[in-house]
Amino acid sequence: MLANYFPVLLFILIALVLGVVMLTLGTLVGPTEPNTEKNSPYECGFEAFEDSRMKFDVRYYLVAILFIIFDLEIAFLFPWAVVLDTIGIEAFVAMGIFIGILLIGFIYEWKKGALEWE
């Protein structure tokens, strides 16, 4: 049984060895000329106006939740739709419950005003 996993383990080992070799060669051969421009933090080409630990508006998080809702729905809906003719009515009901739960999240977002922009 362990012989079935040997190609995977071999692939991981080769990837680790190649990664270490590439990083080592990069530090030995690559140019190192640090200056203030290279070491400065990149912030859209200009200095930051405020502290990076400023508070975000709650709508930012609501939009993130909305993205997760639709992302999950599509990620689970496509494979389910491909095998819809081979799965039974139980899977159809389970997907209906799943979409219902996501619909509750969408209604929550809508009521909180995450879909309205100023």
PDB file of N, CA and C in Angstrom:
ATOM      1  N   MET A   1       0.814  -1.199   0.000  1.00  0.00           N
ATOM      2  CA  MET A   1       0.000   0.000   0.000  1.00  0.00           C
ATOM      3  C   MET A   1       0.854   1.258   0.000  1.00  0.00           C
ATOM      4  N   LEU A   2       1.963   1.211   0.720  1.00  0.00           N
ATOM      5  CA  LEU A   2       2.844   2.357   0.757  1.00  0.00           C
ATOM      6  C   LEU A   2       3.485   2.613  -0.597  1.00  0.00           C
ATOM      7  N   ALA A   3       3.598   1.588  -1.423  1.00  0.00           N
ATOM      8  CA  ALA A   3       4.189   1.738  -2.757  1.00  0.00           C
ATOM      9  C   ALA A   3       3.333   2.634  -3.643  1.00  0.00           C
ATOM     10  N   ASN A   4       2.037   2.736  -3.361  1.00  0.00           N
ATOM     11  CA  ASN A   4       1.172   3.620  -4.148  1.00  0.00           C
ATOM     12  C   ASN A   4       1.504   5.089  -3.921  1.00  0.00           C
ATOM     13  N   TYR A   5       2.029   5.417  -2.744  1.00  0.00           N
ATOM     14  CA  TYR A   5       2.356   6.801  -2.416  1.00  0.00           C
ATOM     15  C   TYR A   5       3.798   7.171  -2.753  1.00  0.00           C
ATOM     16  N   PHE A   6       4.574   6.213  -3.203  1.00  0.00           N
ATOM     17  CA  PHE A   6       5.981   6.494  -3.506  1.00  0.00           C
ATOM     18  C   PHE A   6       6.161   7.580  -4.565  1.00  0.00           C
ATOM     19  N   PRO A   7       5.409   7.601  -5.678  1.00  0.00           N
ATOM     20  CA  PRO A   7       5.596   8.693  -6.645  1.00  0.00           C
ATOM     21  C   PRO A   7       5.293  10.067  -6.055  1.00  0.00           C
ATOM     22  N   VAL A   8       4.307  10.153  -5.187  1.00  0.00           N
ATOM     23  CA  VAL A   8       3.983  11.437  -4.563  1.00  0.00           C
ATOM     24  C   VAL A   8       5.115  11.876  -3.642  1.00  0.00           C
ATOM     25  N   LEU A   9       5.613  10.945  -2.829  1.00  0.00           N
ATOM     26  CA  LEU A   9       6.721  11.277  -1.934  1.00  0.00           C
ATOM     27  C   LEU A   9       7.981  11.647  -2.709  1.00  0.00           C
ATOM     28  N   LEU A  10       8.221  10.954  -3.808  1.00  0.00           N
ATOM     29  CA  LEU A  10       9.373  11.268  -4.645  1.00  0.00           C
ATOM     30  C   LEU A  10       9.236  12.662  -5.253  1.00  0.00           C
ATOM     31  N   PHE A  11       8.041  13.001  -5.700  1.00  0.00           N
ATOM     32  CA  PHE A  11       7.787  14.326  -6.264  1.00  0.00           C
ATOM     33  C   PHE A  11       8.006  15.416  -5.221  1.00  0.00           C
ATOM     34  N   ILE A  12       7.528  15.196  -3.997  1.00  0.00           N
ATOM     35  CA  ILE A  12       7.713  16.183  -2.924  1.00  0.00           C
ATOM     36  C   ILE A  12       9.193  16.334  -2.596  1.00  0.00           C
ATOM     37  N   LEU A  13       9.914  15.229  -2.545  1.00  0.00           N
ATOM     38  CA  LEU A  13      11.349  15.276  -2.254  1.00  0.00           C
ATOM     39  C   LEU A  13      12.109  16.029  -3.336  1.00  0.00           C
ATOM     40  N   ILE A  14      11.818  15.758  -4.593  1.00  0.00           N
ATOM     41  CA  ILE A  14      12.485  16.462  -5.699  1.00  0.00           C
ATOM     42  C   ILE A  14      12.146  17.948  -5.657  1.00  0.00           C
ATOM     43  N   ALA A  15      10.900  18.293  -5.361  1.00  0.00           N
ATOM     44  CA  ALA A  15      10.511  19.699  -5.287  1.00  0.00           C
ATOM     45  C   ALA A  15      11.249  20.411  -4.162  1.00  0.00           C
ATOM     46  N   LEU A  16      11.374  19.772  -3.012  1.00  0.00           N
ATOM     47  CA  LEU A  16      12.100  20.392  -1.898  1.00  0.00           C
ATOM     48  C   LEU A  16      13.583  20.582  -2.230  1.00  0.00           C
ATOM     49  N   VAL A  17      14.193  19.559  -2.822  1.00  0.00           N
ATOM     50  CA  VAL A  17      15.613  19.671  -3.179  1.00  0.00           C
ATOM     51  C   VAL A  17      15.819  20.772  -4.211  1.00  0.00           C
ATOM     52  N   LEU A  18      14.977  20.804  -5.240  1.00  0.00           N
ATOM     53  CA  LEU A  18      15.117  21.856  -6.251  1.00  0.00           C
ATOM     54  C   LEU A  18      14.888  23.247  -5.651  1.00  0.00           C
ATOM     55  N   GLY A  19      13.925  23.370  -4.743  1.00  0.00           N
ATOM     56  CA  GLY A  19      13.682  24.659  -4.100  1.00  0.00           C
ATOM     57  C   GLY A  19      14.881  25.140  -3.304  1.00  0.00           C
ATOM     58  N   VAL A  20      15.486  24.246  -2.526  1.00  0.00           N
ATOM     59  CA  VAL A  20      16.655  24.616  -1.727  1.00  0.00           C
ATOM     60  C   VAL A  20      17.835  24.962  -2.633  1.00  0.00           C
ATOM     61  N   VAL A  21      18.032  24.187  -3.706  1.00  0.00           N
ATOM     62  CA  VAL A  21      19.135  24.461  -4.636  1.00  0.00           C
ATOM     63  C   VAL A  21      18.940  25.818  -5.314  1.00  0.00           C
ATOM     64  N   MET A  22      17.739  26.116  -5.759  1.00  0.00           N
ATOM     65  CA  MET A  22      17.482  27.393  -6.440  1.00  0.00           C
ATOM     66  C   MET A  22      17.680  28.573  -5.489  1.00  0.00           C
ATOM     67  N   LEU A  23      17.185  28.459  -4.260  1.00  0.00           N
ATOM     68  CA  LEU A  23      17.370  29.552  -3.306  1.00  0.00           C
ATOM     69  C   LEU A  23      18.837  29.750  -2.955  1.00  0.00           C
ATOM     70  N   THR A  24      19.568  28.657  -2.804  1.00  0.00           N
ATOM     71  CA  THR A  24      20.991  28.763  -2.485  1.00  0.00           C
ATOM     72  C   THR A  24      21.753  29.396  -3.639  1.00  0.00           C
ATOM     73  N   LEU A  25      21.488  28.952  -4.866  1.00  0.00           N
ATOM     74  CA  LEU A  25      22.160  29.555  -6.021  1.00  0.00           C
ATOM     75  C   LEU A  25      21.782  31.023  -6.185  1.00  0.00           C
ATOM     76  N   GLY A  26      20.546  31.361  -5.896  1.00  0.00           N
ATOM     77  CA  GLY A  26      20.111  32.748  -6.019  1.00  0.00           C
ATOM     78  C   GLY A  26      20.828  33.664  -5.048  1.00  0.00           C
ATOM     79  N   THR A  27      21.074  33.205  -3.840  1.00  0.00           N
ATOM     80  CA  THR A  27      21.774  34.046  -2.875  1.00  0.00           C
ATOM     81  C   THR A  27      23.273  34.107  -3.147  1.00  0.00           C
ATOM     82  N   LEU A  28      23.827  33.045  -3.729  1.00  0.00           N
ATOM     83  CA  LEU A  28      25.266  33.043  -4.006  1.00  0.00           C
ATOM     84  C   LEU A  28      25.609  33.818  -5.275  1.00  0.00           C
ATOM     85  N   VAL A  29      24.806  33.682  -6.306  1.00  0.00           N
ATOM     86  CA  VAL A  29      25.135  34.250  -7.611  1.00  0.00           C
ATOM     87  C   VAL A  29      24.488  35.620  -7.821  1.00  0.00           C
ATOM     88  N   GLY A  30      23.310  35.836  -7.253  1.00  0.00           N
ATOM     89  CA  GLY A  30      22.553  37.062  -7.517  1.00  0.00           C
ATOM     90  C   GLY A  30      23.211  38.308  -6.955  1.00  0.00           C
ATOM     91  N   PRO A  31      22.981  39.447  -7.619  1.00  0.00           N
ATOM     92  CA  PRO A  31      23.558  40.703  -7.133  1.00  0.00           C
ATOM     93  C   PRO A  31      22.826  41.188  -5.872  1.00  0.00           C
ATOM     94  N   THR A  32      23.604  41.737  -4.957  1.00  0.00           N
ATOM     95  CA  THR A  32      23.013  42.310  -3.748  1.00  0.00           C
ATOM     96  C   THR A  32      23.497  43.748  -3.627  1.00  0.00           C
ATOM     97  N   GLU A  33      22.675  44.664  -4.062  1.00  0.00           N
ATOM     98  CA  GLU A  33      22.989  46.089  -3.978  1.00  0.00           C
ATOM     99  C   GLU A  33      21.835  46.811  -3.286  1.00  0.00           C
ATOM    100  N   PRO A  34      21.689  46.648  -1.980  1.00  0.00           N
ATOM    101  CA  PRO A  34      20.566  47.295  -1.308  1.00  0.00           C
ATOM    102  C   PRO A  34      20.756  48.805  -1.233  1.00  0.00           C
ATOM    103  N   ASN A  35      19.658  49.515  -1.422  1.00  0.00           N
ATOM    104  CA  ASN A  35      19.652  50.956  -1.222  1.00  0.00           C
ATOM    105  C   ASN A  35      18.325  51.345  -0.587  1.00  0.00           C
ATOM    106  N   THR A  36      18.126  52.617  -0.342  1.00  0.00           N
ATOM    107  CA  THR A  36      16.922  53.042   0.379  1.00  0.00           C
ATOM    108  C   THR A  36      15.661  52.810  -0.440  1.00  0.00           C
ATOM    109  N   GLU A  37      15.746  52.944  -1.757  1.00  0.00           N
ATOM    110  CA  GLU A  37      14.561  52.720  -2.590  1.00  0.00           C
ATOM    111  C   GLU A  37      14.143  51.254  -2.598  1.00  0.00           C
ATOM    112  N   LYS A  38      15.118  50.358  -2.668  1.00  0.00           N
ATOM    113  CA  LYS A  38      14.793  48.933  -2.681  1.00  0.00           C
ATOM    114  C   LYS A  38      14.268  48.465  -1.329  1.00  0.00           C
ATOM    115  N   ASN A  39      14.769  49.023  -0.260  1.00  0.00           N
ATOM    116  CA  ASN A  39      14.377  48.586   1.071  1.00  0.00           C
ATOM    117  C   ASN A  39      13.137  49.290   1.597  1.00  0.00           C
ATOM    118  N   SER A  40      12.635  50.296   0.883  1.00  0.00           N
ATOM    119  CA  SER A  40      11.448  51.007   1.354  1.00  0.00           C
ATOM    120  C   SER A  40      10.195  50.167   1.087  1.00  0.00           C
ATOM    121  N   PRO A  41       9.177  50.291   1.942  1.00  0.00           N
ATOM    122  CA  PRO A  41       7.954  49.530   1.708  1.00  0.00           C
ATOM    123  C   PRO A  41       7.202  50.059   0.495  1.00  0.00           C
ATOM    124  N   TYR A  42       6.700  49.150  -0.309  1.00  0.00           N
ATOM    125  CA  TYR A  42       5.968  49.555  -1.508  1.00  0.00           C
ATOM    126  C   TYR A  42       4.521  49.817  -1.150  1.00  0.00           C
ATOM    127  N   GLU A  43       4.053  51.016  -1.441  1.00  0.00           N
ATOM    128  CA  GLU A  43       2.680  51.407  -1.126  1.00  0.00           C
ATOM    129  C   GLU A  43       2.147  52.212  -2.303  1.00  0.00           C
ATOM    130  N   CYS A  44       1.876  51.540  -3.395  1.00  0.00           N
ATOM    131  CA  CYS A  44       1.286  52.166  -4.582  1.00  0.00           C
ATOM    132  C   CYS A  44       2.134  53.312  -5.117  1.00  0.00           C
ATOM    133  N   GLY A  45       3.417  53.282  -4.895  1.00  0.00           N
ATOM    134  CA  GLY A  45       4.292  54.286  -5.464  1.00  0.00           C
ATOM    135  C   GLY A  45       4.443  55.545  -4.650  1.00  0.00           C
ATOM    136  N   PHE A  46       3.772  55.659  -3.512  1.00  0.00           N
ATOM    137  CA  PHE A  46       3.923  56.847  -2.679  1.00  0.00           C
ATOM    138  C   PHE A  46       3.861  56.448  -1.210  1.00  0.00           C
ATOM    139  N   GLU A  47       4.251  57.373  -0.366  1.00  0.00           N
ATOM    140  CA  GLU A  47       4.268  57.088   1.064  1.00  0.00           C
ATOM    141  C   GLU A  47       2.853  56.944   1.592  1.00  0.00           C
ATOM    142  N   ALA A  48       2.702  56.114   2.605  1.00  0.00           N
ATOM    143  CA  ALA A  48       1.386  55.893   3.209  1.00  0.00           C
ATOM    144  C   ALA A  48       0.948  57.146   3.962  1.00  0.00           C
ATOM    145  N   PHE A  49      -0.355  57.410   3.914  1.00  0.00           N
ATOM    146  CA  PHE A  49      -0.892  58.598   4.583  1.00  0.00           C
ATOM    147  C   PHE A  49      -1.091  58.371   6.080  1.00  0.00           C
ATOM    148  N   GLU A  50      -1.586  57.199   6.436  1.00  0.00           N
ATOM    149  CA  GLU A  50      -1.926  56.927   7.826  1.00  0.00           C
ATOM    150  C   GLU A  50      -1.238  55.653   8.296  1.00  0.00           C
ATOM    151  N   ASP A  51      -1.509  55.333   9.532  1.00  0.00           N
ATOM    152  CA  ASP A  51      -0.986  54.102  10.109  1.00  0.00           C
ATOM    153  C   ASP A  51      -1.660  52.902   9.439  1.00  0.00           C
ATOM    154  N   SER A  52      -0.934  51.830   9.274  1.00  0.00           N
ATOM    155  CA  SER A  52      -1.496  50.651   8.620  1.00  0.00           C
ATOM    156  C   SER A  52      -2.499  49.917   9.495  1.00  0.00           C
ATOM    157  N   ARG A  53      -2.599  50.292  10.754  1.00  0.00           N
ATOM    158  CA  ARG A  53      -3.543  49.640  11.656  1.00  0.00           C
ATOM    159  C   ARG A  53      -4.823  50.456  11.838  1.00  0.00           C
ATOM    160  N   MET A  54      -5.206  51.184  10.800  1.00  0.00           N
ATOM    161  CA  MET A  54      -6.428  51.978  10.894  1.00  0.00           C
ATOM    162  C   MET A  54      -7.647  51.069  10.811  1.00  0.00           C
ATOM    163  N   LYS A  55      -8.779  51.565  11.291  1.00  0.00           N
ATOM    164  CA  LYS A  55     -10.003  50.776  11.297  1.00  0.00           C
ATOM    165  C   LYS A  55     -10.659  50.836   9.925  1.00  0.00           C
ATOM    166  N   PHE A  56     -11.211  49.697   9.501  1.00  0.00           N
ATOM    167  CA  PHE A  56     -11.932  49.615   8.243  1.00  0.00           C
ATOM    168  C   PHE A  56     -13.419  49.753   8.503  1.00  0.00           C
ATOM    169  N   ASP A  57     -14.116  50.224   7.505  1.00  0.00           N
ATOM    170  CA  ASP A  57     -15.562  50.295   7.580  1.00  0.00           C
ATOM    171  C   ASP A  57     -16.128  48.878   7.584  1.00  0.00           C
ATOM    172  N   VAL A  58     -17.215  48.672   8.301  1.00  0.00           N
ATOM    173  CA  VAL A  58     -17.794  47.338   8.418  1.00  0.00           C
ATOM    174  C   VAL A  58     -18.293  46.842   7.069  1.00  0.00           C
ATOM    175  N   ARG A  59     -18.595  47.739   6.128  1.00  0.00           N
ATOM    176  CA  ARG A  59     -19.056  47.312   4.807  1.00  0.00           C
ATOM    177  C   ARG A  59     -17.980  46.547   4.054  1.00  0.00           C
ATOM    178  N   TYR A  60     -16.727  46.830   4.360  1.00  0.00           N
ATOM    179  CA  TYR A  60     -15.640  46.073   3.742  1.00  0.00           C
ATOM    180  C   TYR A  60     -15.772  44.589   4.077  1.00  0.00           C
ATOM    181  N   TYR A  61     -16.044  44.291   5.343  1.00  0.00           N
ATOM    182  CA  TYR A  61     -16.180  42.906   5.765  1.00  0.00           C
ATOM    183  C   TYR A  61     -17.463  42.287   5.229  1.00  0.00           C
ATOM    184  N   LEU A  62     -18.513  43.067   5.113  1.00  0.00           N
ATOM    185  CA  LEU A  62     -19.757  42.544   4.564  1.00  0.00           C
ATOM    186  C   LEU A  62     -19.595  42.178   3.092  1.00  0.00           C
ATOM    187  N   VAL A  63     -18.845  42.964   2.354  1.00  0.00           N
ATOM    188  CA  VAL A  63     -18.579  42.636   0.954  1.00  0.00           C
ATOM    189  C   VAL A  63     -17.715  41.375   0.876  1.00  0.00           C
ATOM    190  N   ALA A  64     -16.785  41.215   1.802  1.00  0.00           N
ATOM    191  CA  ALA A  64     -15.972  39.999   1.833  1.00  0.00           C
ATOM    192  C   ALA A  64     -16.837  38.776   2.102  1.00  0.00           C
ATOM    193  N   ILE A  65     -17.794  38.901   3.011  1.00  0.00           N
ATOM    194  CA  ILE A  65     -18.715  37.794   3.282  1.00  0.00           C
ATOM    195  C   ILE A  65     -19.549  37.496   2.045  1.00  0.00           C
ATOM    196  N   LEU A  66     -19.977  38.536   1.358  1.00  0.00           N
ATOM    197  CA  LEU A  66     -20.760  38.350   0.145  1.00  0.00           C
ATOM    198  C   LEU A  66     -19.961  37.606  -0.922  1.00  0.00           C
ATOM    199  N   PHE A  67     -18.699  37.965  -1.061  1.00  0.00           N
ATOM    200  CA  PHE A  67     -17.843  37.269  -2.019  1.00  0.00           C
ATOM    201  C   PHE A  67     -17.720  35.795  -1.657  1.00  0.00           C
ATOM    202  N   ILE A  68     -17.527  35.506  -0.374  1.00  0.00           N
ATOM    203  CA  ILE A  68     -17.389  34.116   0.054  1.00  0.00           C
ATOM    204  C   ILE A  68     -18.666  33.342  -0.215  1.00  0.00           C
ATOM    205  N   ILE A  69     -19.809  33.977   0.007  1.00  0.00           N
ATOM    206  CA  ILE A  69     -21.090  33.302  -0.240  1.00  0.00           C
ATOM    207  C   ILE A  69     -21.195  32.880  -1.701  1.00  0.00           C
ATOM    208  N   PHE A  70     -20.953  33.806  -2.619  1.00  0.00           N
ATOM    209  CA  PHE A  70     -21.100  33.468  -4.028  1.00  0.00           C
ATOM    210  C   PHE A  70     -19.976  32.561  -4.517  1.00  0.00           C
ATOM    211  N   ASP A  71     -18.797  32.712  -3.959  1.00  0.00           N
ATOM    212  CA  ASP A  71     -17.688  31.858  -4.350  1.00  0.00           C
ATOM    213  C   ASP A  71     -17.965  30.412  -3.948  1.00  0.00           C
ATOM    214  N   LEU A  72     -18.435  30.213  -2.732  1.00  0.00           N
ATOM    215  CA  LEU A  72     -18.769  28.861  -2.289  1.00  0.00           C
ATOM    216  C   LEU A  72     -19.911  28.269  -3.093  1.00  0.00           C
ATOM    217  N   GLU A  73     -20.876  29.093  -3.389  1.00  0.00           N
ATOM    218  CA  GLU A  73     -22.024  28.587  -4.138  1.00  0.00           C
ATOM    219  C   GLU A  73     -21.593  28.075  -5.509  1.00  0.00           C
ATOM    220  N   ILE A  74     -20.794  28.834  -6.197  1.00  0.00           N
ATOM    221  CA  ILE A  74     -20.350  28.428  -7.533  1.00  0.00           C
ATOM    222  C   ILE A  74     -19.404  27.235  -7.445  1.00  0.00           C
ATOM    223  N   ALA A  75     -18.525  27.221  -6.442  1.00  0.00           N
ATOM    224  CA  ALA A  75     -17.566  26.123  -6.314  1.00  0.00           C
ATOM    225  C   ALA A  75     -18.258  24.787  -6.067  1.00  0.00           C
ATOM    226  N   PHE A  76     -19.380  24.799  -5.365  1.00  0.00           N
ATOM    227  CA  PHE A  76     -20.099  23.555  -5.099  1.00  0.00           C
ATOM    228  C   PHE A  76     -21.194  23.279  -6.121  1.00  0.00           C
ATOM    229  N   LEU A  77     -21.652  24.300  -6.818  1.00  0.00           N
ATOM    230  CA  LEU A  77     -22.769  24.130  -7.733  1.00  0.00           C
ATOM    231  C   LEU A  77     -22.350  23.498  -9.059  1.00  0.00           C
ATOM    232  N   PHE A  78     -21.181  23.841  -9.580  1.00  0.00           N
ATOM    233  CA  PHE A  78     -20.754  23.294 -10.866  1.00  0.00           C
ATOM    234  C   PHE A  78     -20.539  21.779 -10.827  1.00  0.00           C
ATOM    235  N   PRO A  79     -19.773  21.235  -9.879  1.00  0.00           N
ATOM    236  CA  PRO A  79     -19.630  19.771  -9.856  1.00  0.00           C
ATOM    237  C   PRO A  79     -20.961  19.060  -9.617  1.00  0.00           C
ATOM    238  N   TRP A  80     -21.808  19.655  -8.798  1.00  0.00           N
ATOM    239  CA  TRP A  80     -23.121  19.068  -8.541  1.00  0.00           C
ATOM    240  C   TRP A  80     -23.959  19.043  -9.809  1.00  0.00           C
ATOM    241  N   ALA A  81     -23.897  20.108 -10.598  1.00  0.00           N
ATOM    242  CA  ALA A  81     -24.683  20.170 -11.826  1.00  0.00           C
ATOM    243  C   ALA A  81     -24.188  19.172 -12.869  1.00  0.00           C
ATOM    244  N   VAL A  82     -22.897  18.863 -12.854  1.00  0.00           N
ATOM    245  CA  VAL A  82     -22.347  17.919 -13.828  1.00  0.00           C
ATOM    246  C   VAL A  82     -22.877  16.515 -13.578  1.00  0.00           C
ATOM    247  N   VAL A  83     -23.018  16.132 -12.320  1.00  0.00           N
ATOM    248  CA  VAL A  83     -23.457  14.775 -11.997  1.00  0.00           C
ATOM    249  C   VAL A  83     -24.914  14.735 -11.537  1.00  0.00           C
ATOM    250  N   LEU A  84     -25.684  15.716 -11.917  1.00  0.00           N
ATOM    251  CA  LEU A  84     -27.073  15.818 -11.450  1.00  0.00           C
ATOM    252  C   LEU A  84     -27.914  14.625 -11.891  1.00  0.00           C
ATOM    253  N   ASP A  85     -27.658  14.108 -13.081  1.00  0.00           N
ATOM    254  CA  ASP A  85     -28.470  12.987 -13.563  1.00  0.00           C
ATOM    255  C   ASP A  85     -28.125  11.654 -12.897  1.00  0.00           C
ATOM    256  N   THR A  86     -26.953  11.545 -12.275  1.00  0.00           N
ATOM    257  CA  THR A  86     -26.555  10.285 -11.651  1.00  0.00           C
ATOM    258  C   THR A  86     -26.794  10.251 -10.141  1.00  0.00           C
ATOM    259  N   ILE A  87     -26.942  11.399  -9.519  1.00  0.00           N
ATOM    260  CA  ILE A  87     -27.176  11.408  -8.073  1.00  0.00           C
ATOM    261  C   ILE A  87     -28.668  11.345  -7.797  1.00  0.00           C
ATOM    262  N   GLY A  88     -29.008  10.963  -6.625  1.00  0.00           N
ATOM    263  CA  GLY A  88     -30.411  10.767  -6.287  1.00  0.00           C
ATOM    264  C   GLY A  88     -31.090  12.021  -5.788  1.00  0.00           C
ATOM    265  N   ILE A  89     -32.318  11.843  -5.354  1.00  0.00           N
ATOM    266  CA  ILE A  89     -33.122  12.951  -4.853  1.00  0.00           C
ATOM    267  C   ILE A  89     -32.567  13.477  -3.532  1.00  0.00           C
ATOM    268  N   GLU A  90     -31.859  12.608  -2.775  1.00  0.00           N
ATOM    269  CA  GLU A  90     -31.270  13.060  -1.514  1.00  0.00           C
ATOM    270  C   GLU A  90     -30.229  14.151  -1.751  1.00  0.00           C
ATOM    271  N   ALA A  91     -29.419  13.982  -2.787  1.00  0.00           N
ATOM    272  CA  ALA A  91     -28.409  14.983  -3.111  1.00  0.00           C
ATOM    273  C   ALA A  91     -29.064  16.266  -3.613  1.00  0.00           C
ATOM    274  N   PHE A  92     -30.171  16.131  -4.314  1.00  0.00           N
ATOM    275  CA  PHE A  92     -30.901  17.311  -4.784  1.00  0.00           C
ATOM    276  C   PHE A  92     -31.445  18.103  -3.593  1.00  0.00           C
ATOM    277  N   VAL A  93     -31.978  17.407  -2.616  1.00  0.00           N
ATOM    278  CA  VAL A  93     -32.505  18.065  -1.414  1.00  0.00           C
ATOM    279  C   VAL A  93     -31.353  18.680  -0.614  1.00  0.00           C
ATOM    280  N   ALA A  94     -30.220  17.983  -0.516  1.00  0.00           N
ATOM    281  CA  ALA A  94     -29.066  18.512   0.215  1.00  0.00           C
ATOM    282  C   ALA A  94     -28.556  19.803  -0.430  1.00  0.00           C
ATOM    283  N   MET A  95     -28.533  19.837  -1.767  1.00  0.00           N
ATOM    284  CA  MET A  95     -28.098  21.060  -2.436  1.00  0.00           C
ATOM    285  C   MET A  95     -29.122  22.174  -2.236  1.00  0.00           C
ATOM    286  N   GLY A  96     -30.403  21.817  -2.186  1.00  0.00           N
ATOM    287  CA  GLY A  96     -31.421  22.830  -1.902  1.00  0.00           C
ATOM    288  C   GLY A  96     -31.239  23.437  -0.524  1.00  0.00           C
ATOM    289  N   ILE A  97     -30.904  22.603   0.453  1.00  0.00           N
ATOM    290  CA  ILE A  97     -30.638  23.111   1.811  1.00  0.00           C
ATOM    291  C   ILE A  97     -29.405  24.001   1.805  1.00  0.00           C
ATOM    292  N   PHE A  98     -28.361  23.588   1.089  1.00  0.00           N
ATOM    293  CA  PHE A  98     -27.131  24.379   1.003  1.00  0.00           C
ATOM    294  C   PHE A  98     -27.394  25.746   0.385  1.00  0.00           C
ATOM    295  N   ILE A  99     -28.122  25.768  -0.711  1.00  0.00           N
ATOM    296  CA  ILE A  99     -28.430  27.041  -1.366  1.00  0.00           C
ATOM    297  C   ILE A  99     -29.343  27.881  -0.475  1.00  0.00           C
ATOM    298  N   GLY A 100     -30.231  27.234   0.281  1.00  0.00           N
ATOM    299  CA  GLY A 100     -31.073  27.970   1.221  1.00  0.00           C
ATOM    300  C   GLY A 100     -30.259  28.666   2.300  1.00  0.00           C
ATOM    301  N   ILE A 101     -29.250  27.977   2.823  1.00  0.00           N
ATOM    302  CA  ILE A 101     -28.380  28.584   3.835  1.00  0.00           C
ATOM    303  C   ILE A 101     -27.627  29.766   3.239  1.00  0.00           C
ATOM    304  N   LEU A 102     -27.127  29.613   2.012  1.00  0.00           N
ATOM    305  CA  LEU A 102     -26.440  30.722   1.363  1.00  0.00           C
ATOM    306  C   LEU A 102     -27.388  31.878   1.075  1.00  0.00           C
ATOM    307  N   LEU A 103     -28.634  31.569   0.772  1.00  0.00           N
ATOM    308  CA  LEU A 103     -29.623  32.611   0.539  1.00  0.00           C
ATOM    309  C   LEU A 103     -29.893  33.404   1.816  1.00  0.00           C
ATOM    310  N   ILE A 104     -29.888  32.727   2.953  1.00  0.00           N
ATOM    311  CA  ILE A 104     -30.049  33.430   4.229  1.00  0.00           C
ATOM    312  C   ILE A 104     -28.892  34.406   4.447  1.00  0.00           C
ATOM    313  N   GLY A 105     -27.669  33.979   4.114  1.00  0.00           N
ATOM    314  CA  GLY A 105     -26.514  34.879   4.213  1.00  0.00           C
ATOM    315  C   GLY A 105     -26.620  36.054   3.264  1.00  0.00           C
ATOM    316  N   PHE A 106     -27.120  35.801   2.055  1.00  0.00           N
ATOM    317  CA  PHE A 106     -27.296  36.882   1.087  1.00  0.00           C
ATOM    318  C   PHE A 106     -28.342  37.883   1.567  1.00  0.00           C
ATOM    319  N   ILE A 107     -29.435  37.396   2.123  1.00  0.00           N
ATOM    320  CA  ILE A 107     -30.473  38.294   2.649  1.00  0.00           C
ATOM    321  C   ILE A 107     -29.918  39.116   3.818  1.00  0.00           C
ATOM    322  N   TYR A 108     -29.109  38.505   4.655  1.00  0.00           N
ATOM    323  CA  TYR A 108     -28.465  39.230   5.753  1.00  0.00           C
ATOM    324  C   TYR A 108     -27.617  40.377   5.216  1.00  0.00           C
ATOM    325  N   GLU A 109     -26.830  40.089   4.188  1.00  0.00           N
ATOM    326  CA  GLU A 109     -25.996  41.134   3.575  1.00  0.00           C
ATOM    327  C   GLU A 109     -26.863  42.251   3.000  1.00  0.00           C
ATOM    328  N   TRP A 110     -27.931  41.877   2.358  1.00  0.00           N
ATOM    329  CA  TRP A 110     -28.811  42.850   1.737  1.00  0.00           C
ATOM    330  C   TRP A 110     -29.430  43.762   2.790  1.00  0.00           C
ATOM    331  N   LYS A 111     -29.887  43.172   3.898  1.00  0.00           N
ATOM    332  CA  LYS A 111     -30.506  43.954   4.969  1.00  0.00           C
ATOM    333  C   LYS A 111     -29.501  44.866   5.658  1.00  0.00           C
ATOM    334  N   LYS A 112     -28.247  44.445   5.736  1.00  0.00           N
ATOM    335  CA  LYS A 112     -27.215  45.263   6.365  1.00  0.00           C
ATOM    336  C   LYS A 112     -26.747  46.406   5.464  1.00  0.00           C
ATOM    337  N   GLY A 113     -27.144  46.377   4.189  1.00  0.00           N
ATOM    338  CA  GLY A 113     -26.785  47.456   3.274  1.00  0.00           C
ATOM    339  C   GLY A 113     -25.437  47.296   2.620  1.00  0.00           C
ATOM    340  N   ALA A 114     -24.933  46.084   2.549  1.00  0.00           N
ATOM    341  CA  ALA A 114     -23.613  45.875   1.938  1.00  0.00           C
ATOM    342  C   ALA A 114     -23.649  46.044   0.434  1.00  0.00           C
ATOM    343  N   LEU A 115     -24.809  45.989  -0.160  1.00  0.00           N
ATOM    344  CA  LEU A 115     -24.926  46.105  -1.617  1.00  0.00           C
ATOM    345  C   LEU A 115     -25.108  47.547  -2.057  1.00  0.00           C
ATOM    346  N   GLU A 116     -25.218  48.471  -1.141  1.00  0.00           N
ATOM    347  CA  GLU A 116     -25.421  49.875  -1.485  1.00  0.00           C
ATOM    348  C   GLU A 116     -24.121  50.638  -1.319  1.00  0.00           C
ATOM    349  N   TRP A 117     -23.778  51.394  -2.350  1.00  0.00           N
ATOM    350  CA  TRP A 117     -22.540  52.171  -2.343  1.00  0.00           C
ATOM    351  C   TRP A 117     -22.884  53.645  -2.289  1.00  0.00           C
ATOM    352  N   GLU A 118     -22.018  54.390  -1.603  1.00  0.00           N
ATOM    353  CA  GLU A 118     -22.223  55.836  -1.497  1.00  0.00           C
ATOM    354  C   GLU A 118     -21.345  56.572  -2.467  1.00  0.00           C
TER     355      GLU A 118
END
